[in-house]
Amino acid sequence: MTLNTIARRALVALCMGACVAASAAKLSKSVPRGWGEDFAAAQKAAAKGDKYILLAFSGSDWCGWCVKMDREVYSDKKFVRAAKKDFELVLIDSPQDQGILSPLAKKQNPELLKKYGIRGFPCSILVHPDGTEAKRFGGYQRGGPEAFLQALKDAAKEAGAPKKPAEEEKASTEKRASTEEKK
């Protein structure tokens, strides 16, 4: 390997590391690993992947039950890995210390609290990609990560196929019609 090749590979690795660090820095400090906080991005990903969104509303620095739910469920690596197969995971935090929130969260989170009528924490809501509520889980969920994951899967099954946003559904229908015409 030439010195030039080694230098190029090192530069690429350095740039990739910087990109990963920069994207991680954009998240609020309270967002568990494997979760996101951008609801609009989650809606797009959920529609594309035919998934539901799990919105977890928390008060990370003042709500004891939220801390317990985060520690026992939301931050559990096995839970996150398994849940991400079927759901887009989004944490909506309402801390007393607003300084731990990203600029996106500072703007978006109060709007989502109002939209979904959140009155108590923690609160987990299974949401269709179009934003409509499928199932609400109020308060701390006993039984650990396995029980909560099963409750989410049962709720998703009961709610049926995830409802896509109107423009996504229209594009999907047009694509199917185009495919049918070609046959």
N, C-alpha and C. Protein backbone atom coordinates (compact mmCIF):
# COMPACT_ATOMS: atom_id res chain seq x y z
N MET A 1 0.84 -1.17 0.00
CA MET A 1 0.00 0.00 0.00
C MET A 1 0.89 1.24 0.00
N THR A 2 0.54 2.16 -0.83
CA THR A 2 1.34 3.39 -0.91
C THR A 2 0.94 4.35 0.19
N LEU A 3 1.81 5.28 0.46
CA LEU A 3 1.54 6.30 1.46
C LEU A 3 0.32 7.13 1.09
N ASN A 4 0.14 7.37 -0.21
CA ASN A 4 -1.00 8.13 -0.70
C ASN A 4 -2.32 7.40 -0.40
N THR A 5 -2.35 6.08 -0.61
CA THR A 5 -3.54 5.28 -0.34
C THR A 5 -3.86 5.28 1.15
N ILE A 6 -2.86 5.13 1.98
CA ILE A 6 -3.05 5.14 3.43
C ILE A 6 -3.60 6.49 3.87
N ALA A 7 -3.06 7.56 3.34
CA ALA A 7 -3.51 8.90 3.70
C ALA A 7 -4.96 9.11 3.29
N ARG A 8 -5.34 8.65 2.09
CA ARG A 8 -6.72 8.79 1.63
C ARG A 8 -7.68 8.01 2.52
N ARG A 9 -7.31 6.78 2.88
CA ARG A 9 -8.16 5.96 3.75
C ARG A 9 -8.31 6.60 5.12
N ALA A 10 -7.24 7.14 5.64
CA ALA A 10 -7.29 7.80 6.94
C ALA A 10 -8.20 9.03 6.88
N LEU A 11 -8.12 9.78 5.80
CA LEU A 11 -8.96 10.96 5.63
C LEU A 11 -10.43 10.57 5.55
N VAL A 12 -10.74 9.52 4.80
CA VAL A 12 -12.12 9.04 4.69
C VAL A 12 -12.64 8.60 6.06
N ALA A 13 -11.83 7.85 6.79
CA ALA A 13 -12.24 7.40 8.12
C ALA A 13 -12.47 8.59 9.06
N LEU A 14 -11.60 9.57 8.99
CA LEU A 14 -11.74 10.77 9.82
C LEU A 14 -13.03 11.52 9.48
N CYS A 15 -13.32 11.66 8.19
CA CYS A 15 -14.53 12.36 7.76
C CYS A 15 -15.78 11.60 8.20
N MET A 16 -15.76 10.27 8.07
CA MET A 16 -16.91 9.46 8.50
C MET A 16 -17.13 9.61 9.99
N GLY A 17 -16.07 9.59 10.77
CA GLY A 17 -16.18 9.77 12.21
C GLY A 17 -16.74 11.13 12.56
N ALA A 18 -16.31 12.16 11.85
CA ALA A 18 -16.81 13.51 12.09
C ALA A 18 -18.29 13.61 11.76
N CYS A 19 -18.72 12.94 10.68
CA CYS A 19 -20.13 12.96 10.30
C CYS A 19 -20.99 12.27 11.36
N VAL A 20 -20.53 11.13 11.85
CA VAL A 20 -21.26 10.41 12.90
C VAL A 20 -21.35 11.27 14.16
N ALA A 21 -20.24 11.87 14.55
CA ALA A 21 -20.22 12.73 15.74
C ALA A 21 -21.14 13.93 15.56
N ALA A 22 -21.14 14.51 14.38
CA ALA A 22 -21.98 15.69 14.13
C ALA A 22 -23.46 15.31 14.18
N SER A 23 -23.82 14.16 13.61
CA SER A 23 -25.23 13.78 13.64
C SER A 23 -25.67 13.42 15.04
N ALA A 24 -24.79 12.82 15.83
CA ALA A 24 -25.14 12.50 17.22
C ALA A 24 -25.27 13.76 18.06
N ALA A 25 -24.46 14.77 17.76
CA ALA A 25 -24.50 16.02 18.52
C ALA A 25 -25.79 16.77 18.31
N LYS A 26 -26.50 16.53 17.23
CA LYS A 26 -27.75 17.23 16.96
C LYS A 26 -28.88 16.76 17.85
N LEU A 27 -28.80 15.56 18.40
CA LEU A 27 -29.84 15.04 19.27
C LEU A 27 -29.78 15.67 20.64
N SER A 28 -30.92 15.74 21.29
CA SER A 28 -30.95 16.19 22.67
C SER A 28 -30.16 15.23 23.53
N LYS A 29 -29.63 15.73 24.62
CA LYS A 29 -28.81 14.90 25.51
C LYS A 29 -29.61 13.79 26.17
N SER A 30 -30.92 13.93 26.25
CA SER A 30 -31.75 12.95 26.95
C SER A 30 -32.25 11.81 26.06
N VAL A 31 -31.96 11.84 24.77
CA VAL A 31 -32.46 10.82 23.85
C VAL A 31 -31.62 9.55 23.97
N PRO A 32 -32.25 8.41 24.32
CA PRO A 32 -31.48 7.16 24.46
C PRO A 32 -30.89 6.71 23.13
N ARG A 33 -29.82 5.97 23.20
CA ARG A 33 -29.17 5.42 22.00
C ARG A 33 -30.17 4.55 21.24
N GLY A 34 -30.21 4.76 19.92
CA GLY A 34 -31.12 3.99 19.08
C GLY A 34 -32.46 4.67 18.85
N TRP A 35 -32.72 5.76 19.55
CA TRP A 35 -33.95 6.52 19.40
C TRP A 35 -33.67 7.78 18.60
N GLY A 36 -34.72 8.36 18.06
CA GLY A 36 -34.63 9.64 17.39
C GLY A 36 -35.52 10.64 18.10
N GLU A 37 -35.50 11.87 17.59
CA GLU A 37 -36.39 12.88 18.16
C GLU A 37 -37.10 13.69 17.09
N ASP A 38 -36.84 13.40 15.83
CA ASP A 38 -37.43 14.14 14.71
C ASP A 38 -38.69 13.41 14.26
N PHE A 39 -39.86 13.93 14.68
CA PHE A 39 -41.13 13.28 14.37
C PHE A 39 -41.41 13.25 12.87
N ALA A 40 -41.14 14.35 12.17
CA ALA A 40 -41.40 14.39 10.72
C ALA A 40 -40.56 13.35 9.98
N ALA A 41 -39.29 13.23 10.37
CA ALA A 41 -38.42 12.22 9.73
C ALA A 41 -38.93 10.81 10.05
N ALA A 42 -39.41 10.61 11.27
CA ALA A 42 -39.94 9.30 11.66
C ALA A 42 -41.20 8.97 10.86
N GLN A 43 -42.02 9.99 10.60
CA GLN A 43 -43.23 9.76 9.79
C GLN A 43 -42.86 9.28 8.39
N LYS A 44 -41.87 9.91 7.78
CA LYS A 44 -41.43 9.52 6.44
C LYS A 44 -40.86 8.10 6.45
N ALA A 45 -40.01 7.83 7.43
CA ALA A 45 -39.39 6.50 7.52
C ALA A 45 -40.44 5.43 7.80
N ALA A 46 -41.40 5.74 8.66
CA ALA A 46 -42.46 4.77 8.99
C ALA A 46 -43.32 4.49 7.77
N ALA A 47 -43.66 5.52 7.01
CA ALA A 47 -44.48 5.33 5.81
C ALA A 47 -43.72 4.48 4.80
N LYS A 48 -42.46 4.77 4.63
CA LYS A 48 -41.64 4.01 3.68
C LYS A 48 -41.46 2.56 4.13
N GLY A 49 -41.26 2.36 5.43
CA GLY A 49 -41.01 1.02 5.95
C GLY A 49 -42.25 0.28 6.40
N ASP A 50 -43.43 0.89 6.21
CA ASP A 50 -44.69 0.28 6.63
C ASP A 50 -44.68 -0.07 8.11
N LYS A 51 -44.29 0.91 8.93
CA LYS A 51 -44.17 0.73 10.37
C LYS A 51 -45.03 1.75 11.12
N TYR A 52 -45.20 1.49 12.39
CA TYR A 52 -45.79 2.47 13.30
C TYR A 52 -44.67 3.28 13.93
N ILE A 53 -45.04 4.37 14.57
CA ILE A 53 -44.09 5.19 15.32
C ILE A 53 -44.43 5.03 16.80
N LEU A 54 -43.41 4.81 17.61
CA LEU A 54 -43.60 4.82 19.06
C LEU A 54 -43.12 6.17 19.55
N LEU A 55 -44.07 7.00 19.99
CA LEU A 55 -43.74 8.30 20.58
C LEU A 55 -43.69 8.10 22.09
N ALA A 56 -42.54 8.36 22.67
CA ALA A 56 -42.38 8.23 24.12
C ALA A 56 -42.22 9.64 24.70
N PHE A 57 -43.22 10.08 25.45
CA PHE A 57 -43.19 11.40 26.08
C PHE A 57 -42.60 11.25 27.47
N SER A 58 -41.61 12.10 27.77
CA SER A 58 -40.87 11.96 29.02
C SER A 58 -40.54 13.32 29.62
N GLY A 59 -40.29 13.30 30.90
CA GLY A 59 -39.75 14.44 31.63
C GLY A 59 -38.45 13.93 32.26
N SER A 60 -37.42 13.87 31.46
CA SER A 60 -36.20 13.13 31.79
C SER A 60 -35.46 13.61 33.04
N ASP A 61 -35.61 14.87 33.42
CA ASP A 61 -34.82 15.35 34.55
C ASP A 61 -35.66 15.71 35.78
N TRP A 62 -36.94 15.36 35.76
CA TRP A 62 -37.78 15.68 36.92
C TRP A 62 -38.81 14.60 37.25
N CYS A 63 -39.11 13.71 36.31
CA CYS A 63 -40.16 12.70 36.49
C CYS A 63 -39.53 11.36 36.87
N GLY A 64 -39.74 10.94 38.11
CA GLY A 64 -39.17 9.68 38.59
C GLY A 64 -39.60 8.47 37.79
N TRP A 65 -40.88 8.40 37.42
CA TRP A 65 -41.37 7.27 36.64
C TRP A 65 -40.78 7.27 35.23
N CYS A 66 -40.52 8.46 34.69
CA CYS A 66 -39.88 8.57 33.36
C CYS A 66 -38.45 8.02 33.41
N VAL A 67 -37.74 8.39 34.46
CA VAL A 67 -36.37 7.91 34.63
C VAL A 67 -36.37 6.39 34.73
N LYS A 68 -37.32 5.85 35.50
CA LYS A 68 -37.43 4.40 35.66
C LYS A 68 -37.77 3.73 34.32
N MET A 69 -38.71 4.31 33.57
CA MET A 69 -39.09 3.75 32.26
C MET A 69 -37.91 3.80 31.30
N ASP A 70 -37.18 4.91 31.32
CA ASP A 70 -36.01 5.03 30.45
C ASP A 70 -34.96 3.99 30.81
N ARG A 71 -34.65 3.88 32.09
CA ARG A 71 -33.61 2.97 32.54
C ARG A 71 -33.98 1.51 32.29
N GLU A 72 -35.25 1.14 32.54
CA GLU A 72 -35.66 -0.26 32.45
C GLU A 72 -36.11 -0.70 31.05
N VAL A 73 -36.62 0.25 30.25
CA VAL A 73 -37.19 -0.13 28.95
C VAL A 73 -36.52 0.61 27.80
N TYR A 74 -36.69 1.92 27.73
CA TYR A 74 -36.25 2.68 26.56
C TYR A 74 -34.75 2.55 26.28
N SER A 75 -33.93 2.42 27.30
CA SER A 75 -32.48 2.32 27.09
C SER A 75 -31.98 0.88 27.03
N ASP A 76 -32.87 -0.07 27.17
CA ASP A 76 -32.49 -1.48 27.11
C ASP A 76 -32.11 -1.84 25.67
N LYS A 77 -30.87 -2.28 25.48
CA LYS A 77 -30.35 -2.56 24.14
C LYS A 77 -31.20 -3.60 23.40
N LYS A 78 -31.62 -4.64 24.10
CA LYS A 78 -32.42 -5.69 23.46
C LYS A 78 -33.78 -5.13 23.04
N PHE A 79 -34.37 -4.29 23.90
CA PHE A 79 -35.65 -3.68 23.55
C PHE A 79 -35.51 -2.82 22.30
N VAL A 80 -34.51 -1.95 22.29
CA VAL A 80 -34.30 -1.05 21.16
C VAL A 80 -34.09 -1.84 19.87
N ARG A 81 -33.22 -2.82 19.92
CA ARG A 81 -32.93 -3.64 18.74
C ARG A 81 -34.19 -4.32 18.22
N ALA A 82 -34.97 -4.91 19.10
CA ALA A 82 -36.19 -5.62 18.69
C ALA A 82 -37.28 -4.65 18.25
N ALA A 83 -37.45 -3.56 18.97
CA ALA A 83 -38.51 -2.60 18.65
C ALA A 83 -38.27 -1.91 17.31
N LYS A 84 -37.01 -1.65 16.99
CA LYS A 84 -36.70 -0.95 15.74
C LYS A 84 -37.07 -1.76 14.50
N LYS A 85 -37.26 -3.06 14.67
CA LYS A 85 -37.68 -3.88 13.53
C LYS A 85 -39.11 -3.54 13.10
N ASP A 86 -39.94 -3.16 14.06
CA ASP A 86 -41.36 -2.93 13.79
C ASP A 86 -41.82 -1.48 13.97
N PHE A 87 -41.01 -0.66 14.63
CA PHE A 87 -41.43 0.69 14.98
C PHE A 87 -40.31 1.70 14.76
N GLU A 88 -40.70 2.93 14.46
CA GLU A 88 -39.77 4.06 14.50
C GLU A 88 -39.85 4.60 15.92
N LEU A 89 -38.71 4.74 16.59
CA LEU A 89 -38.67 5.14 17.99
C LEU A 89 -38.34 6.62 18.11
N VAL A 90 -39.24 7.38 18.76
CA VAL A 90 -39.07 8.82 18.89
C VAL A 90 -39.32 9.23 20.33
N LEU A 91 -38.32 9.87 20.95
CA LEU A 91 -38.48 10.37 22.31
C LEU A 91 -38.81 11.86 22.26
N ILE A 92 -39.88 12.23 22.94
CA ILE A 92 -40.29 13.62 23.04
C ILE A 92 -40.11 14.01 24.51
N ASP A 93 -39.04 14.74 24.77
CA ASP A 93 -38.68 15.08 26.15
C ASP A 93 -39.19 16.47 26.53
N SER A 94 -39.59 16.59 27.79
CA SER A 94 -40.04 17.86 28.37
C SER A 94 -39.30 18.09 29.68
N PRO A 95 -38.00 18.31 29.60
CA PRO A 95 -37.22 18.49 30.82
C PRO A 95 -37.39 19.90 31.40
N GLN A 96 -37.08 20.03 32.67
CA GLN A 96 -37.05 21.36 33.27
C GLN A 96 -35.88 22.14 32.69
N ASP A 97 -34.75 21.47 32.48
CA ASP A 97 -33.57 22.10 31.90
C ASP A 97 -33.67 22.04 30.38
N GLN A 98 -34.22 23.09 29.79
CA GLN A 98 -34.40 23.14 28.34
C GLN A 98 -33.07 23.17 27.59
N GLY A 99 -31.99 23.43 28.29
CA GLY A 99 -30.67 23.47 27.68
C GLY A 99 -30.19 22.13 27.17
N ILE A 100 -30.80 21.03 27.62
CA ILE A 100 -30.38 19.71 27.14
C ILE A 100 -31.06 19.33 25.83
N LEU A 101 -32.02 20.15 25.38
CA LEU A 101 -32.74 19.86 24.15
C LEU A 101 -32.05 20.44 22.93
N SER A 102 -32.19 19.75 21.81
CA SER A 102 -31.70 20.26 20.54
C SER A 102 -32.63 21.39 20.08
N PRO A 103 -32.19 22.21 19.14
CA PRO A 103 -33.08 23.25 18.61
C PRO A 103 -34.38 22.67 18.03
N LEU A 104 -34.28 21.54 17.34
CA LEU A 104 -35.47 20.89 16.79
C LEU A 104 -36.45 20.53 17.91
N ALA A 105 -35.94 19.90 18.96
CA ALA A 105 -36.80 19.46 20.07
C ALA A 105 -37.44 20.66 20.78
N LYS A 106 -36.71 21.74 20.93
CA LYS A 106 -37.27 22.93 21.58
C LYS A 106 -38.48 23.46 20.83
N LYS A 107 -38.47 23.33 19.51
CA LYS A 107 -39.59 23.81 18.70
C LYS A 107 -40.70 22.76 18.59
N GLN A 108 -40.31 21.54 18.28
CA GLN A 108 -41.27 20.48 17.97
C GLN A 108 -41.98 19.92 19.20
N ASN A 109 -41.27 19.70 20.29
CA ASN A 109 -41.84 18.97 21.42
C ASN A 109 -43.08 19.62 22.04
N PRO A 110 -43.08 20.94 22.28
CA PRO A 110 -44.31 21.55 22.82
C PRO A 110 -45.51 21.39 21.88
N GLU A 111 -45.26 21.45 20.57
CA GLU A 111 -46.33 21.27 19.59
C GLU A 111 -46.91 19.85 19.68
N LEU A 112 -46.03 18.86 19.84
CA LEU A 112 -46.50 17.46 19.93
C LEU A 112 -47.22 17.20 21.26
N LEU A 113 -46.75 17.82 22.33
CA LEU A 113 -47.44 17.69 23.62
C LEU A 113 -48.89 18.17 23.49
N LYS A 114 -49.05 19.30 22.81
CA LYS A 114 -50.38 19.87 22.61
C LYS A 114 -51.21 19.01 21.67
N LYS A 115 -50.62 18.63 20.54
CA LYS A 115 -51.33 17.83 19.54
C LYS A 115 -51.90 16.54 20.13
N TYR A 116 -51.09 15.86 20.95
CA TYR A 116 -51.53 14.57 21.51
C TYR A 116 -52.15 14.70 22.91
N GLY A 117 -52.31 15.92 23.38
CA GLY A 117 -53.00 16.13 24.67
C GLY A 117 -52.32 15.47 25.85
N ILE A 118 -51.00 15.57 25.91
CA ILE A 118 -50.25 14.91 26.99
C ILE A 118 -50.45 15.69 28.28
N ARG A 119 -50.95 14.99 29.30
CA ARG A 119 -51.21 15.61 30.60
C ARG A 119 -50.40 14.99 31.72
N GLY A 120 -49.79 13.84 31.45
CA GLY A 120 -49.00 13.15 32.45
C GLY A 120 -47.85 12.39 31.81
N PHE A 121 -46.83 12.14 32.61
CA PHE A 121 -45.62 11.47 32.13
C PHE A 121 -45.30 10.27 32.99
N PRO A 122 -44.66 9.25 32.46
CA PRO A 122 -44.39 9.03 31.05
C PRO A 122 -45.67 8.65 30.31
N CYS A 123 -45.65 8.83 29.02
CA CYS A 123 -46.77 8.45 28.17
C CYS A 123 -46.19 7.95 26.85
N SER A 124 -46.59 6.78 26.44
CA SER A 124 -46.13 6.20 25.17
C SER A 124 -47.33 6.05 24.25
N ILE A 125 -47.17 6.52 23.03
CA ILE A 125 -48.27 6.45 22.07
C ILE A 125 -47.80 5.77 20.80
N LEU A 126 -48.56 4.80 20.36
CA LEU A 126 -48.32 4.15 19.08
C LEU A 126 -49.06 4.98 18.04
N VAL A 127 -48.33 5.49 17.05
CA VAL A 127 -48.87 6.44 16.09
C VAL A 127 -48.70 5.91 14.67
N HIS A 128 -49.74 6.10 13.86
CA HIS A 128 -49.66 5.77 12.44
C HIS A 128 -48.72 6.77 11.76
N PRO A 129 -48.12 6.41 10.62
CA PRO A 129 -47.27 7.36 9.91
C PRO A 129 -47.98 8.66 9.53
N ASP A 130 -49.31 8.62 9.41
CA ASP A 130 -50.05 9.85 9.08
C ASP A 130 -50.28 10.73 10.31
N GLY A 131 -49.82 10.28 11.47
CA GLY A 131 -49.92 11.08 12.69
C GLY A 131 -51.10 10.74 13.58
N THR A 132 -52.00 9.89 13.12
CA THR A 132 -53.14 9.56 13.97
C THR A 132 -52.74 8.54 15.03
N GLU A 133 -53.37 8.67 16.18
CA GLU A 133 -53.06 7.81 17.31
C GLU A 133 -53.70 6.44 17.13
N ALA A 134 -52.92 5.39 17.39
CA ALA A 134 -53.44 4.02 17.32
C ALA A 134 -53.71 3.48 18.72
N LYS A 135 -52.80 3.75 19.66
CA LYS A 135 -52.95 3.21 21.03
C LYS A 135 -52.10 4.05 21.98
N ARG A 136 -52.65 4.33 23.15
CA ARG A 136 -51.95 5.11 24.16
C ARG A 136 -51.66 4.23 25.37
N PHE A 137 -50.44 4.35 25.88
CA PHE A 137 -50.02 3.65 27.08
C PHE A 137 -49.64 4.72 28.10
N GLY A 138 -50.52 5.00 29.03
CA GLY A 138 -50.25 6.05 30.01
C GLY A 138 -49.48 5.52 31.21
N GLY A 139 -48.55 6.31 31.69
CA GLY A 139 -47.80 5.96 32.89
C GLY A 139 -46.70 4.95 32.66
N TYR A 140 -46.07 4.59 33.75
CA TYR A 140 -45.00 3.59 33.74
C TYR A 140 -45.59 2.24 33.37
N GLN A 141 -44.93 1.53 32.47
CA GLN A 141 -45.40 0.21 32.03
C GLN A 141 -44.65 -0.89 32.77
N ARG A 142 -45.36 -1.56 33.65
CA ARG A 142 -44.75 -2.64 34.44
C ARG A 142 -44.49 -3.87 33.57
N GLY A 143 -43.54 -4.68 34.01
CA GLY A 143 -43.26 -5.94 33.34
C GLY A 143 -41.97 -5.97 32.54
N GLY A 144 -41.33 -4.83 32.42
CA GLY A 144 -40.04 -4.78 31.74
C GLY A 144 -40.15 -4.66 30.23
N PRO A 145 -39.00 -4.68 29.57
CA PRO A 145 -38.95 -4.45 28.13
C PRO A 145 -39.69 -5.50 27.30
N GLU A 146 -39.60 -6.76 27.68
CA GLU A 146 -40.26 -7.81 26.90
C GLU A 146 -41.77 -7.64 26.92
N ALA A 147 -42.32 -7.37 28.09
CA ALA A 147 -43.77 -7.19 28.21
C ALA A 147 -44.24 -5.96 27.45
N PHE A 148 -43.47 -4.87 27.52
CA PHE A 148 -43.87 -3.65 26.82
C PHE A 148 -43.79 -3.86 25.31
N LEU A 149 -42.75 -4.51 24.84
CA LEU A 149 -42.63 -4.79 23.41
C LEU A 149 -43.80 -5.64 22.93
N GLN A 150 -44.18 -6.63 23.71
CA GLN A 150 -45.32 -7.47 23.32
C GLN A 150 -46.61 -6.66 23.30
N ALA A 151 -46.78 -5.77 24.27
CA ALA A 151 -47.98 -4.91 24.29
C ALA A 151 -48.02 -4.01 23.05
N LEU A 152 -46.86 -3.50 22.63
CA LEU A 152 -46.78 -2.68 21.43
C LEU A 152 -47.15 -3.49 20.18
N LYS A 153 -46.61 -4.70 20.09
CA LYS A 153 -46.90 -5.55 18.93
C LYS A 153 -48.38 -5.92 18.89
N ASP A 154 -48.95 -6.22 20.05
CA ASP A 154 -50.38 -6.56 20.12
C ASP A 154 -51.23 -5.36 19.68
N ALA A 155 -50.85 -4.17 20.14
CA ALA A 155 -51.59 -2.96 19.78
C ALA A 155 -51.50 -2.69 18.28
N ALA A 156 -50.32 -2.89 17.71
CA ALA A 156 -50.14 -2.68 16.27
C ALA A 156 -50.97 -3.68 15.47
N LYS A 157 -51.00 -4.91 15.93
CA LYS A 157 -51.78 -5.94 15.25
C LYS A 157 -53.27 -5.60 15.31
N GLU A 158 -53.70 -5.17 16.47
CA GLU A 158 -55.11 -4.79 16.67
C GLU A 158 -55.50 -3.58 15.80
N ALA A 159 -54.57 -2.65 15.64
CA ALA A 159 -54.85 -1.43 14.87
C ALA A 159 -54.82 -1.66 13.37
N GLY A 160 -54.25 -2.75 12.92
CA GLY A 160 -54.20 -3.04 11.49
C GLY A 160 -53.01 -2.39 10.82
N ALA A 161 -53.06 -2.31 9.51
CA ALA A 161 -51.94 -1.74 8.74
C ALA A 161 -51.76 -0.27 9.08
N PRO A 162 -50.50 0.17 9.17
CA PRO A 162 -50.25 1.59 9.46
C PRO A 162 -50.82 2.49 8.36
N LYS A 163 -51.49 3.57 8.79
CA LYS A 163 -52.07 4.54 7.84
C LYS A 163 -50.99 5.51 7.40
N LYS A 164 -50.79 5.57 6.09
CA LYS A 164 -49.75 6.46 5.55
C LYS A 164 -50.32 7.86 5.35
N PRO A 165 -49.44 8.86 5.35
CA PRO A 165 -49.89 10.22 5.02
C PRO A 165 -50.51 10.23 3.63
N ALA A 166 -51.44 11.14 3.38
CA ALA A 166 -52.20 11.17 2.12
C ALA A 166 -51.29 11.20 0.89
N GLU A 167 -50.24 12.03 0.89
CA GLU A 167 -49.38 12.10 -0.29
C GLU A 167 -48.60 10.81 -0.50
N GLU A 168 -48.21 10.16 0.59
CA GLU A 168 -47.49 8.90 0.50
C GLU A 168 -48.41 7.81 -0.05
N GLU A 169 -49.64 7.79 0.43
CA GLU A 169 -50.62 6.81 -0.02
C GLU A 169 -50.93 7.02 -1.51
N LYS A 170 -51.07 8.27 -1.92
CA LYS A 170 -51.34 8.59 -3.33
C LYS A 170 -50.20 8.10 -4.22
N ALA A 171 -48.96 8.37 -3.82
CA ALA A 171 -47.80 7.94 -4.60
C ALA A 171 -47.73 6.42 -4.68
N SER A 172 -48.04 5.76 -3.58
CA SER A 172 -48.01 4.30 -3.55
C SER A 172 -49.08 3.72 -4.48
N THR A 173 -50.28 4.32 -4.48
CA THR A 173 -51.37 3.87 -5.34
C THR A 173 -51.02 4.10 -6.81
N GLU A 174 -50.43 5.27 -7.12
CA GLU A 174 -50.04 5.56 -8.49
C GLU A 174 -48.97 4.59 -8.98
N LYS A 175 -48.03 4.25 -8.11
CA LYS A 175 -46.97 3.31 -8.48
C LYS A 175 -47.55 1.93 -8.78
N ARG A 176 -48.51 1.49 -7.96
CA ARG A 176 -49.16 0.20 -8.21
C ARG A 176 -49.93 0.22 -9.52
N ALA A 177 -50.64 1.32 -9.79
CA ALA A 177 -51.41 1.44 -11.04
C ALA A 177 -50.48 1.41 -12.25
N SER A 178 -49.34 2.08 -12.14
CA SER A 178 -48.35 2.12 -13.21
C SER A 178 -47.79 0.72 -13.47
N THR A 179 -47.53 0.00 -12.41
CA THR A 179 -47.03 -1.38 -12.53
C THR A 179 -48.07 -2.27 -13.18
N GLU A 180 -49.34 -2.09 -12.80
CA GLU A 180 -50.44 -2.90 -13.37
C GLU A 180 -50.56 -2.63 -14.87
N GLU A 181 -50.43 -1.34 -15.29
CA GLU A 181 -50.57 -1.00 -16.70
C GLU A 181 -49.47 -1.63 -17.54
N LYS A 182 -48.27 -1.74 -16.98
CA LYS A 182 -47.14 -2.31 -17.71
C LYS A 182 -47.32 -3.80 -17.96
N LYS A 183 -48.11 -4.44 -17.14
CA LYS A 183 -48.34 -5.89 -17.28
C LYS A 183 -49.31 -6.09 -18.37
